[in-house]
All heavy atoms as atom14 arrays in JSON, in Angstrom:
{
  "sequence": "EWMILDEAIYLFRNGDGGLEPYLDLTEETIPSTIYTLTQQFLVRHPI",
  "atom14_mask": [
    [1, 1, 1, 1, 1, 1, 1, 1, 1, 0, 0, 0, 0, 0],
    [1, 1, 1, 1, 1, 1, 1, 1, 1, 1, 1, 1, 1, 1],
    [1, 1, 1, 1, 1, 1, 1, 1, 0, 0, 0, 0, 0, 0],
    [1, 1, 1, 1, 1, 1, 1, 1, 0, 0, 0, 0, 0, 0],
    [1, 1, 1, 1, 1, 1, 1, 1, 0, 0, 0, 0, 0, 0],
    [1, 1, 1, 1, 1, 1, 1, 1, 0, 0, 0, 0, 0, 0],
    [1, 1, 1, 1, 1, 1, 1, 1, 1, 0, 0, 0, 0, 0],
    [1, 1, 1, 1, 1, 0, 0, 0, 0, 0, 0, 0, 0, 0],
    [1, 1, 1, 1, 1, 1, 1, 1, 0, 0, 0, 0, 0, 0],
    [1, 1, 1, 1, 1, 1, 1, 1, 1, 1, 1, 1, 0, 0],
    [1, 1, 1, 1, 1, 1, 1, 1, 0, 0, 0, 0, 0, 0],
    [1, 1, 1, 1, 1, 1, 1, 1, 1, 1, 1, 0, 0, 0],
    [1, 1, 1, 1, 1, 1, 1, 1, 1, 1, 1, 0, 0, 0],
    [1, 1, 1, 1, 1, 1, 1, 1, 0, 0, 0, 0, 0, 0],
    [1, 1, 1, 1, 0, 0, 0, 0, 0, 0, 0, 0, 0, 0],
    [1, 1, 1, 1, 1, 1, 1, 1, 0, 0, 0, 0, 0, 0],
    [1, 1, 1, 1, 0, 0, 0, 0, 0, 0, 0, 0, 0, 0],
    [1, 1, 1, 1, 0, 0, 0, 0, 0, 0, 0, 0, 0, 0],
    [1, 1, 1, 1, 1, 1, 1, 1, 0, 0, 0, 0, 0, 0],
    [1, 1, 1, 1, 1, 1, 1, 1, 1, 0, 0, 0, 0, 0],
    [1, 1, 1, 1, 1, 1, 1, 0, 0, 0, 0, 0, 0, 0],
    [1, 1, 1, 1, 1, 1, 1, 1, 1, 1, 1, 1, 0, 0],
    [1, 1, 1, 1, 1, 1, 1, 1, 0, 0, 0, 0, 0, 0],
    [1, 1, 1, 1, 1, 1, 1, 1, 0, 0, 0, 0, 0, 0],
    [1, 1, 1, 1, 1, 1, 1, 1, 0, 0, 0, 0, 0, 0],
    [1, 1, 1, 1, 1, 1, 1, 0, 0, 0, 0, 0, 0, 0],
    [1, 1, 1, 1, 1, 1, 1, 1, 1, 0, 0, 0, 0, 0],
    [1, 1, 1, 1, 1, 1, 1, 1, 1, 0, 0, 0, 0, 0],
    [1, 1, 1, 1, 1, 1, 1, 0, 0, 0, 0, 0, 0, 0],
    [1, 1, 1, 1, 1, 1, 1, 1, 0, 0, 0, 0, 0, 0],
    [1, 1, 1, 1, 1, 1, 1, 0, 0, 0, 0, 0, 0, 0],
    [1, 1, 1, 1, 1, 1, 0, 0, 0, 0, 0, 0, 0, 0],
    [1, 1, 1, 1, 1, 1, 1, 0, 0, 0, 0, 0, 0, 0],
    [1, 1, 1, 1, 1, 1, 1, 1, 0, 0, 0, 0, 0, 0],
    [1, 1, 1, 1, 1, 1, 1, 1, 1, 1, 1, 1, 0, 0],
    [1, 1, 1, 1, 1, 1, 1, 0, 0, 0, 0, 0, 0, 0],
    [1, 1, 1, 1, 1, 1, 1, 1, 0, 0, 0, 0, 0, 0],
    [1, 1, 1, 1, 1, 1, 1, 0, 0, 0, 0, 0, 0, 0],
    [1, 1, 1, 1, 1, 1, 1, 1, 1, 0, 0, 0, 0, 0],
    [1, 1, 1, 1, 1, 1, 1, 1, 1, 0, 0, 0, 0, 0],
    [1, 1, 1, 1, 1, 1, 1, 1, 1, 1, 1, 0, 0, 0],
    [1, 1, 1, 1, 1, 1, 1, 1, 0, 0, 0, 0, 0, 0],
    [1, 1, 1, 1, 1, 1, 1, 0, 0, 0, 0, 0, 0, 0],
    [1, 1, 1, 1, 1, 1, 1, 1, 1, 1, 1, 0, 0, 0],
    [1, 1, 1, 1, 1, 1, 1, 1, 1, 1, 0, 0, 0, 0],
    [1, 1, 1, 1, 1, 1, 1, 0, 0, 0, 0, 0, 0, 0],
    [1, 1, 1, 1, 1, 1, 1, 1, 0, 0, 0, 0, 0, 0]
  ],
  "atom14_positions": [
    [[-1.43, 2.69, 8.77], [-1.05, 2.82, 7.39], [-1.02, 1.38, 6.72], [-1.36, 1.29, 5.5], [0.29, 3.42, 7.21], [0.35, 4.9, 7.54], [1.75, 5.44, 7.39], [2.53, 5.36, 8.31], [2.01, 6.1, 6.36], [0.0, 0.0, 0.0], [0.0, 0.0, 0.0], [0.0, 0.0, 0.0], [0.0, 0.0, 0.0], [0.0, 0.0, 0.0]],
    [[-0.73, 0.37, 7.46], [-0.75, -0.95, 6.91], [-2.15, -1.4, 6.55], [-2.43, -1.96, 5.57], [-0.07, -1.94, 7.82], [1.32, -1.63, 8.07], [1.85, -0.89, 9.14], [2.44, -2.04, 7.29], [3.2, -0.79, 9.02], [3.61, -1.54, 7.9], [2.57, -2.84, 6.16], [4.9, -1.72, 7.34], [3.79, -3.06, 5.65], [4.93, -2.54, 6.24]],
    [[-3.09, -1.09, 7.4], [-4.52, -1.44, 7.15], [-5.07, -0.66, 6.01], [-5.75, -1.2, 5.18], [-5.31, -1.11, 8.48], [-6.77, -1.45, 8.37], [-7.87, -0.35, 7.47], [-7.65, 1.22, 8.33], [0.0, 0.0, 0.0], [0.0, 0.0, 0.0], [0.0, 0.0, 0.0], [0.0, 0.0, 0.0], [0.0, 0.0, 0.0], [0.0, 0.0, 0.0]],
    [[-4.64, 0.65, 5.84], [-5.03, 1.47, 4.75], [-4.49, 0.84, 3.44], [-5.3, 0.72, 2.43], [-4.6, 2.95, 4.9], [-5.35, 3.57, 6.06], [-4.83, 3.67, 3.58], [-4.86, 4.96, 6.41], [0.0, 0.0, 0.0], [0.0, 0.0, 0.0], [0.0, 0.0, 0.0], [0.0, 0.0, 0.0], [0.0, 0.0, 0.0], [0.0, 0.0, 0.0]],
    [[-3.28, 0.44, 3.39], [-2.72, -0.18, 2.18], [-3.41, -1.49, 1.86], [-3.71, -1.79, 0.73], [-1.23, -0.44, 2.37], [-0.49, -1.14, 1.15], [-0.78, -0.44, -0.17], [0.94, -1.26, 1.44], [0.0, 0.0, 0.0], [0.0, 0.0, 0.0], [0.0, 0.0, 0.0], [0.0, 0.0, 0.0], [0.0, 0.0, 0.0], [0.0, 0.0, 0.0]],
    [[-3.65, -2.27, 2.87], [-4.4, -3.55, 2.71], [-5.79, -3.33, 2.12], [-6.17, -4.02, 1.16], [-4.52, -4.31, 4.01], [-5.07, -5.71, 3.89], [-4.44, -6.49, 3.15], [-6.11, -5.94, 4.51], [0.0, 0.0, 0.0], [0.0, 0.0, 0.0], [0.0, 0.0, 0.0], [0.0, 0.0, 0.0], [0.0, 0.0, 0.0], [0.0, 0.0, 0.0]],
    [[-6.43, -2.36, 2.62], [-7.83, -1.94, 2.09], [-7.65, -1.48, 0.67], [-8.54, -1.77, -0.21], [-8.42, -0.89, 2.98], [-9.88, -0.59, 2.59], [-10.89, -1.67, 2.79], [-10.58, -2.67, 3.52], [-11.98, -1.59, 2.19], [0.0, 0.0, 0.0], [0.0, 0.0, 0.0], [0.0, 0.0, 0.0], [0.0, 0.0, 0.0], [0.0, 0.0, 0.0]],
    [[-6.65, -0.66, 0.41], [-6.46, -0.2, -1.0], [-6.21, -1.29, -1.93], [-6.76, -1.27, -3.05], [-5.28, 0.86, -1.03], [0.0, 0.0, 0.0], [0.0, 0.0, 0.0], [0.0, 0.0, 0.0], [0.0, 0.0, 0.0], [0.0, 0.0, 0.0], [0.0, 0.0, 0.0], [0.0, 0.0, 0.0], [0.0, 0.0, 0.0], [0.0, 0.0, 0.0]],
    [[-5.5, -2.23, -1.59], [-5.23, -3.45, -2.42], [-6.49, -4.19, -2.64], [-6.8, -4.62, -3.78], [-4.08, -4.37, -1.85], [-2.71, -3.67, -1.91], [-4.02, -5.69, -2.54], [-1.62, -4.28, -1.17], [0.0, 0.0, 0.0], [0.0, 0.0, 0.0], [0.0, 0.0, 0.0], [0.0, 0.0, 0.0], [0.0, 0.0, 0.0], [0.0, 0.0, 0.0]],
    [[-7.27, -4.42, -1.62], [-8.54, -5.12, -1.67], [-9.45, -4.33, -2.67], [-10.07, -4.95, -3.57], [-9.2, -5.15, -0.36], [-10.56, -5.76, -0.4], [-10.86, -7.12, -0.54], [-11.68, -4.87, -0.4], [-12.15, -7.63, -0.65], [-12.96, -5.35, -0.43], [-13.21, -6.75, -0.57], [-14.53, -7.26, -0.7], [0.0, 0.0, 0.0], [0.0, 0.0, 0.0]],
    [[-9.59, -3.03, -2.53], [-10.41, -2.26, -3.42], [-9.98, -2.35, -4.87], [-10.74, -2.45, -5.76], [-10.57, -0.82, -2.94], [-11.35, -0.59, -1.67], [-11.14, 0.88, -1.16], [-12.79, -0.94, -1.76], [0.0, 0.0, 0.0], [0.0, 0.0, 0.0], [0.0, 0.0, 0.0], [0.0, 0.0, 0.0], [0.0, 0.0, 0.0], [0.0, 0.0, 0.0]],
    [[-8.67, -2.22, -5.05], [-8.09, -2.32, -6.39], [-8.38, -3.66, -7.02], [-8.83, -3.69, -8.19], [-6.57, -2.06, -6.31], [-5.8, -2.55, -7.53], [-5.9, -1.92, -8.75], [-5.04, -3.68, -7.47], [-5.24, -2.34, -9.85], [-4.37, -4.19, -8.6], [-4.48, -3.48, -9.78], [0.0, 0.0, 0.0], [0.0, 0.0, 0.0], [0.0, 0.0, 0.0]],
    [[-8.23, -4.67, -6.29], [-8.38, -6.04, -6.87], [-9.86, -6.33, -7.08], [-10.19, -7.17, -7.93], [-7.74, -7.11, -6.0], [-6.21, -7.08, -6.09], [-5.56, -8.15, -5.3], [-4.2, -8.3, -5.59], [-3.32, -8.87, -4.83], [-3.68, -9.53, -3.68], [-2.01, -8.98, -5.15], [0.0, 0.0, 0.0], [0.0, 0.0, 0.0], [0.0, 0.0, 0.0]],
    [[-10.72, -5.74, -6.33], [-12.17, -5.91, -6.48], [-12.77, -5.05, -7.6], [-13.92, -5.16, -7.91], [-12.81, -5.59, -5.11], [-13.7, -6.68, -4.67], [-13.63, -7.81, -5.02], [-14.63, -6.27, -3.73], [0.0, 0.0, 0.0], [0.0, 0.0, 0.0], [0.0, 0.0, 0.0], [0.0, 0.0, 0.0], [0.0, 0.0, 0.0], [0.0, 0.0, 0.0]],
    [[-11.99, -4.19, -8.11], [-12.42, -3.27, -9.16], [-13.28, -2.11, -8.66], [-14.07, -1.57, -9.4], [0.0, 0.0, 0.0], [0.0, 0.0, 0.0], [0.0, 0.0, 0.0], [0.0, 0.0, 0.0], [0.0, 0.0, 0.0], [0.0, 0.0, 0.0], [0.0, 0.0, 0.0], [0.0, 0.0, 0.0], [0.0, 0.0, 0.0], [0.0, 0.0, 0.0]],
    [[-13.11, -1.8, -7.41], [-13.94, -0.76, -6.78], [-13.25, 0.53, -6.69], [-13.58, 1.42, -5.89], [-14.28, -1.23, -5.34], [-15.25, -2.39, -5.32], [-16.02, -2.6, -6.3], [-15.13, -3.25, -4.37], [0.0, 0.0, 0.0], [0.0, 0.0, 0.0], [0.0, 0.0, 0.0], [0.0, 0.0, 0.0], [0.0, 0.0, 0.0], [0.0, 0.0, 0.0]],
    [[-12.2, 0.71, -7.46], [-11.47, 1.97, -7.5], [-10.33, 1.91, -6.46], [-9.89, 0.83, -6.14], [0.0, 0.0, 0.0], [0.0, 0.0, 0.0], [0.0, 0.0, 0.0], [0.0, 0.0, 0.0], [0.0, 0.0, 0.0], [0.0, 0.0, 0.0], [0.0, 0.0, 0.0], [0.0, 0.0, 0.0], [0.0, 0.0, 0.0], [0.0, 0.0, 0.0]],
    [[-9.87, 3.06, -6.01], [-8.74, 3.05, -5.12], [-8.96, 3.77, -3.86], [-10.13, 4.02, -3.51], [0.0, 0.0, 0.0], [0.0, 0.0, 0.0], [0.0, 0.0, 0.0], [0.0, 0.0, 0.0], [0.0, 0.0, 0.0], [0.0, 0.0, 0.0], [0.0, 0.0, 0.0], [0.0, 0.0, 0.0], [0.0, 0.0, 0.0], [0.0, 0.0, 0.0]],
    [[-7.85, 3.97, -3.14], [-7.97, 4.65, -1.79], [-6.73, 5.43, -1.66], [-5.65, 4.97, -1.95], [-8.02, 3.47, -0.79], [-8.3, 3.92, 0.7], [-9.63, 4.57, 0.85], [-8.2, 2.69, 1.58], [0.0, 0.0, 0.0], [0.0, 0.0, 0.0], [0.0, 0.0, 0.0], [0.0, 0.0, 0.0], [0.0, 0.0, 0.0], [0.0, 0.0, 0.0]],
    [[-6.91, 6.72, -1.31], [-5.81, 7.61, -1.03], [-4.86, 7.0, -0.02], [-5.38, 6.44, 0.99], [-6.21, 8.97, -0.58], [-6.91, 9.79, -1.69], [-5.86, 10.41, -2.58], [-4.69, 10.4, -2.34], [-6.39, 10.97, -3.64], [0.0, 0.0, 0.0], [0.0, 0.0, 0.0], [0.0, 0.0, 0.0], [0.0, 0.0, 0.0], [0.0, 0.0, 0.0]],
    [[-3.54, 7.07, -0.18], [-2.82, 7.65, -1.14], [-2.35, 6.64, -2.23], [-1.35, 6.85, -2.88], [-1.57, 8.21, -0.38], [-1.37, 7.15, 0.67], [-2.81, 6.7, 1.05], [0.0, 0.0, 0.0], [0.0, 0.0, 0.0], [0.0, 0.0, 0.0], [0.0, 0.0, 0.0], [0.0, 0.0, 0.0], [0.0, 0.0, 0.0], [0.0, 0.0, 0.0]],
    [[-3.08, 5.56, -2.38], [-2.63, 4.42, -3.21], [-3.52, 4.32, -4.45], [-3.89, 3.15, -4.84], [-2.61, 3.12, -2.4], [-1.77, 3.26, -1.19], [-2.35, 3.31, 0.06], [-0.4, 3.26, -1.33], [-1.56, 3.33, 1.2], [0.39, 3.33, -0.11], [-0.15, 3.36, 1.1], [0.61, 3.47, 2.22], [0.0, 0.0, 0.0], [0.0, 0.0, 0.0]],
    [[-3.84, 5.46, -5.11], [-4.73, 5.33, -6.23], [-4.07, 4.76, -7.48], [-4.78, 4.35, -8.39], [-5.23, 6.72, -6.55], [-6.19, 7.38, -5.5], [-6.48, 8.84, -5.83], [-7.41, 6.48, -5.28], [0.0, 0.0, 0.0], [0.0, 0.0, 0.0], [0.0, 0.0, 0.0], [0.0, 0.0, 0.0], [0.0, 0.0, 0.0], [0.0, 0.0, 0.0]],
    [[-2.73, 4.71, -7.47], [-2.05, 4.25, -8.71], [-1.51, 2.81, -8.57], [-0.61, 2.41, -9.32], [-0.95, 5.21, -9.06], [0.07, 5.33, -7.92], [-0.19, 4.87, -6.85], [1.18, 5.9, -8.17], [0.0, 0.0, 0.0], [0.0, 0.0, 0.0], [0.0, 0.0, 0.0], [0.0, 0.0, 0.0], [0.0, 0.0, 0.0], [0.0, 0.0, 0.0]],
    [[-2.16, 1.97, -7.73], [-1.71, 0.61, -7.54], [-1.92, -0.2, -8.85], [-2.91, 0.02, -9.57], [-2.52, -0.05, -6.46], [-2.08, 0.19, -4.99], [-3.07, -0.53, -4.07], [-0.66, -0.2, -4.78], [0.0, 0.0, 0.0], [0.0, 0.0, 0.0], [0.0, 0.0, 0.0], [0.0, 0.0, 0.0], [0.0, 0.0, 0.0], [0.0, 0.0, 0.0]],
    [[-1.02, -1.07, -9.12], [-1.17, -2.11, -10.11], [-0.6, -3.4, -9.5], [0.07, -3.29, -8.44], [-0.39, -1.8, -11.42], [1.02, -1.85, -11.11], [-0.75, -0.46, -12.0], [0.0, 0.0, 0.0], [0.0, 0.0, 0.0], [0.0, 0.0, 0.0], [0.0, 0.0, 0.0], [0.0, 0.0, 0.0], [0.0, 0.0, 0.0], [0.0, 0.0, 0.0]],
    [[-0.85, -4.49, -10.12], [-0.35, -5.76, -9.59], [1.16, -5.69, -9.48], [1.79, -6.24, -8.51], [-0.72, -6.98, -10.43], [-2.2, -7.42, -10.19], [-2.5, -7.88, -8.81], [-1.67, -8.46, -8.09], [-3.67, -7.58, -8.38], [0.0, 0.0, 0.0], [0.0, 0.0, 0.0], [0.0, 0.0, 0.0], [0.0, 0.0, 0.0], [0.0, 0.0, 0.0]],
    [[1.79, -5.03, -10.44], [3.23, -4.96, -10.42], [3.82, -4.02, -9.4], [4.95, -4.28, -8.93], [3.75, -4.42, -11.85], [3.5, -5.42, -13.0], [2.04, -5.45, -13.46], [1.33, -4.41, -13.32], [1.59, -6.44, -14.0], [0.0, 0.0, 0.0], [0.0, 0.0, 0.0], [0.0, 0.0, 0.0], [0.0, 0.0, 0.0], [0.0, 0.0, 0.0]],
    [[3.08, -3.06, -8.99], [3.52, -2.11, -7.97], [3.23, -2.47, -6.59], [3.75, -1.87, -5.61], [3.09, -0.65, -8.29], [1.66, -0.64, -8.13], [3.45, -0.15, -9.63], [0.0, 0.0, 0.0], [0.0, 0.0, 0.0], [0.0, 0.0, 0.0], [0.0, 0.0, 0.0], [0.0, 0.0, 0.0], [0.0, 0.0, 0.0], [0.0, 0.0, 0.0]],
    [[2.38, -3.41, -6.36], [1.99, -3.77, -5.0], [3.19, -4.19, -4.14], [3.37, -3.6, -3.02], [0.89, -4.89, -4.95], [-0.42, -4.3, -5.48], [0.73, -5.52, -3.56], [-1.56, -5.27, -5.67], [0.0, 0.0, 0.0], [0.0, 0.0, 0.0], [0.0, 0.0, 0.0], [0.0, 0.0, 0.0], [0.0, 0.0, 0.0], [0.0, 0.0, 0.0]],
    [[4.03, -5.12, -4.58], [5.2, -5.42, -3.76], [6.11, -4.23, -3.44], [6.53, -4.09, -2.32], [5.92, -6.47, -4.58], [4.95, -7.12, -5.48], [4.04, -5.98, -5.76], [0.0, 0.0, 0.0], [0.0, 0.0, 0.0], [0.0, 0.0, 0.0], [0.0, 0.0, 0.0], [0.0, 0.0, 0.0], [0.0, 0.0, 0.0], [0.0, 0.0, 0.0]],
    [[6.45, -3.37, -4.44], [7.3, -2.25, -4.19], [6.65, -1.27, -3.3], [7.28, -0.61, -2.44], [7.75, -1.59, -5.5], [6.52, -1.1, -6.16], [0.0, 0.0, 0.0], [0.0, 0.0, 0.0], [0.0, 0.0, 0.0], [0.0, 0.0, 0.0], [0.0, 0.0, 0.0], [0.0, 0.0, 0.0], [0.0, 0.0, 0.0], [0.0, 0.0, 0.0]],
    [[5.29, -1.13, -3.35], [4.6, -0.25, -2.49], [4.68, -0.73, -1.0], [4.87, 0.06, -0.07], [3.09, -0.11, -2.87], [3.04, 0.36, -4.2], [2.37, 0.82, -1.96], [0.0, 0.0, 0.0], [0.0, 0.0, 0.0], [0.0, 0.0, 0.0], [0.0, 0.0, 0.0], [0.0, 0.0, 0.0], [0.0, 0.0, 0.0], [0.0, 0.0, 0.0]],
    [[4.56, -2.01, -0.85], [4.75, -2.63, 0.49], [6.16, -2.43, 1.06], [6.38, -2.05, 2.16], [4.38, -4.09, 0.51], [2.87, -4.31, 0.22], [4.75, -4.81, 1.87], [2.45, -5.69, -0.11], [0.0, 0.0, 0.0], [0.0, 0.0, 0.0], [0.0, 0.0, 0.0], [0.0, 0.0, 0.0], [0.0, 0.0, 0.0], [0.0, 0.0, 0.0]],
    [[7.17, -2.61, 0.14], [8.59, -2.38, 0.57], [8.74, -0.87, 0.93], [9.49, -0.6, 1.93], [9.56, -2.74, -0.53], [9.83, -4.23, -0.61], [9.52, -4.92, -1.81], [10.3, -4.95, 0.45], [9.78, -6.28, -1.87], [10.55, -6.27, 0.39], [10.31, -6.97, -0.79], [10.53, -8.29, -0.88], [0.0, 0.0, 0.0], [0.0, 0.0, 0.0]],
    [[8.21, 0.01, 0.16], [8.32, 1.42, 0.47], [7.71, 1.73, 1.91], [8.3, 2.47, 2.66], [7.61, 2.31, -0.55], [8.27, 2.08, -1.82], [7.69, 3.74, -0.26], [0.0, 0.0, 0.0], [0.0, 0.0, 0.0], [0.0, 0.0, 0.0], [0.0, 0.0, 0.0], [0.0, 0.0, 0.0], [0.0, 0.0, 0.0], [0.0, 0.0, 0.0]],
    [[6.5, 1.27, 2.1], [5.88, 1.42, 3.46], [6.73, 0.8, 4.54], [6.9, 1.42, 5.61], [4.44, 0.86, 3.43], [3.68, 1.01, 4.72], [3.58, 2.54, 5.17], [2.29, 0.37, 4.64], [0.0, 0.0, 0.0], [0.0, 0.0, 0.0], [0.0, 0.0, 0.0], [0.0, 0.0, 0.0], [0.0, 0.0, 0.0], [0.0, 0.0, 0.0]],
    [[7.33, -0.28, 4.28], [8.22, -0.95, 5.21], [9.37, -0.1, 5.6], [9.68, 0.11, 6.76], [8.7, -2.36, 4.64], [7.6, -3.14, 4.38], [9.64, -2.97, 5.62], [0.0, 0.0, 0.0], [0.0, 0.0, 0.0], [0.0, 0.0, 0.0], [0.0, 0.0, 0.0], [0.0, 0.0, 0.0], [0.0, 0.0, 0.0], [0.0, 0.0, 0.0]],
    [[10.03, 0.46, 4.57], [11.22, 1.33, 4.8], [10.75, 2.59, 5.6], [11.5, 2.96, 6.57], [11.81, 1.77, 3.49], [12.46, 0.62, 2.73], [13.54, -0.16, 3.55], [14.3, 0.44, 4.25], [13.53, -1.44, 3.42], [0.0, 0.0, 0.0], [0.0, 0.0, 0.0], [0.0, 0.0, 0.0], [0.0, 0.0, 0.0], [0.0, 0.0, 0.0]],
    [[9.61, 3.17, 5.25], [9.16, 4.34, 6.05], [8.89, 3.96, 7.48], [9.12, 4.67, 8.39], [7.94, 4.91, 5.29], [8.16, 5.48, 3.96], [6.89, 5.84, 3.21], [5.77, 5.41, 3.61], [7.06, 6.48, 2.08], [0.0, 0.0, 0.0], [0.0, 0.0, 0.0], [0.0, 0.0, 0.0], [0.0, 0.0, 0.0], [0.0, 0.0, 0.0]],
    [[8.23, 2.83, 7.63], [7.91, 2.36, 9.02], [9.15, 2.09, 9.85], [9.22, 2.57, 10.99], [7.12, 1.07, 8.9], [6.63, 0.51, 10.22], [5.51, 1.0, 10.83], [7.34, -0.45, 10.87], [5.04, 0.47, 12.07], [6.9, -0.99, 12.11], [5.8, -0.48, 12.63], [0.0, 0.0, 0.0], [0.0, 0.0, 0.0], [0.0, 0.0, 0.0]],
    [[10.2, 1.5, 9.25], [11.43, 1.28, 10.0], [12.18, 2.52, 10.33], [12.85, 2.62, 11.39], [12.3, 0.33, 9.2], [11.76, -1.18, 9.1], [12.63, -1.98, 8.12], [11.78, -1.78, 10.48], [0.0, 0.0, 0.0], [0.0, 0.0, 0.0], [0.0, 0.0, 0.0], [0.0, 0.0, 0.0], [0.0, 0.0, 0.0], [0.0, 0.0, 0.0]],
    [[12.09, 3.54, 9.51], [12.66, 4.8, 9.82], [12.01, 5.47, 11.03], [12.57, 5.99, 11.97], [12.71, 5.74, 8.58], [13.02, 7.12, 8.99], [13.68, 5.26, 7.56], [0.0, 0.0, 0.0], [0.0, 0.0, 0.0], [0.0, 0.0, 0.0], [0.0, 0.0, 0.0], [0.0, 0.0, 0.0], [0.0, 0.0, 0.0], [0.0, 0.0, 0.0]],
    [[10.65, 5.47, 11.02], [9.88, 6.07, 12.01], [9.93, 5.28, 13.33], [9.76, 5.82, 14.4], [8.42, 6.25, 11.57], [8.22, 7.38, 10.62], [6.78, 7.73, 10.41], [5.94, 6.61, 10.12], [5.66, 6.22, 8.87], [6.16, 6.87, 7.84], [4.89, 5.18, 8.65], [0.0, 0.0, 0.0], [0.0, 0.0, 0.0], [0.0, 0.0, 0.0]],
    [[9.99, 3.97, 13.2], [9.99, 3.08, 14.44], [11.16, 2.07, 14.33], [11.03, 0.87, 14.1], [8.7, 2.28, 14.43], [7.46, 3.14, 14.26], [6.97, 3.92, 15.22], [6.66, 3.35, 13.21], [5.91, 4.56, 14.8], [5.67, 4.24, 13.59], [0.0, 0.0, 0.0], [0.0, 0.0, 0.0], [0.0, 0.0, 0.0], [0.0, 0.0, 0.0]],
    [[12.42, 2.63, 14.57], [13.51, 1.75, 14.48], [13.47, 0.61, 15.55], [13.0, 0.75, 16.65], [14.7, 2.65, 14.71], [14.18, 3.91, 15.35], [12.72, 3.98, 14.94], [0.0, 0.0, 0.0], [0.0, 0.0, 0.0], [0.0, 0.0, 0.0], [0.0, 0.0, 0.0], [0.0, 0.0, 0.0], [0.0, 0.0, 0.0], [0.0, 0.0, 0.0]],
    [[14.02, -0.5, 15.11], [14.05, -1.72, 15.98], [15.39, -1.75, 16.63], [16.39, -1.8, 15.95], [13.83, -2.98, 15.17], [12.5, -2.91, 14.51], [13.98, -4.18, 16.05], [12.25, -4.04, 13.41], [0.0, 0.0, 0.0], [0.0, 0.0, 0.0], [0.0, 0.0, 0.0], [0.0, 0.0, 0.0], [0.0, 0.0, 0.0], [0.0, 0.0, 0.0]]
  ]
}
């Protein structure tokens, strides 16, 4: 999922469209999207 988000950000910044499930990315939402993925990851894989 981290690689997919990274690729989605790359495509967004390159102007090449988006990538599911991150079609609504903006520069402002990138940090919060990463935080959301982080929280989901920590719930699924507790340390």
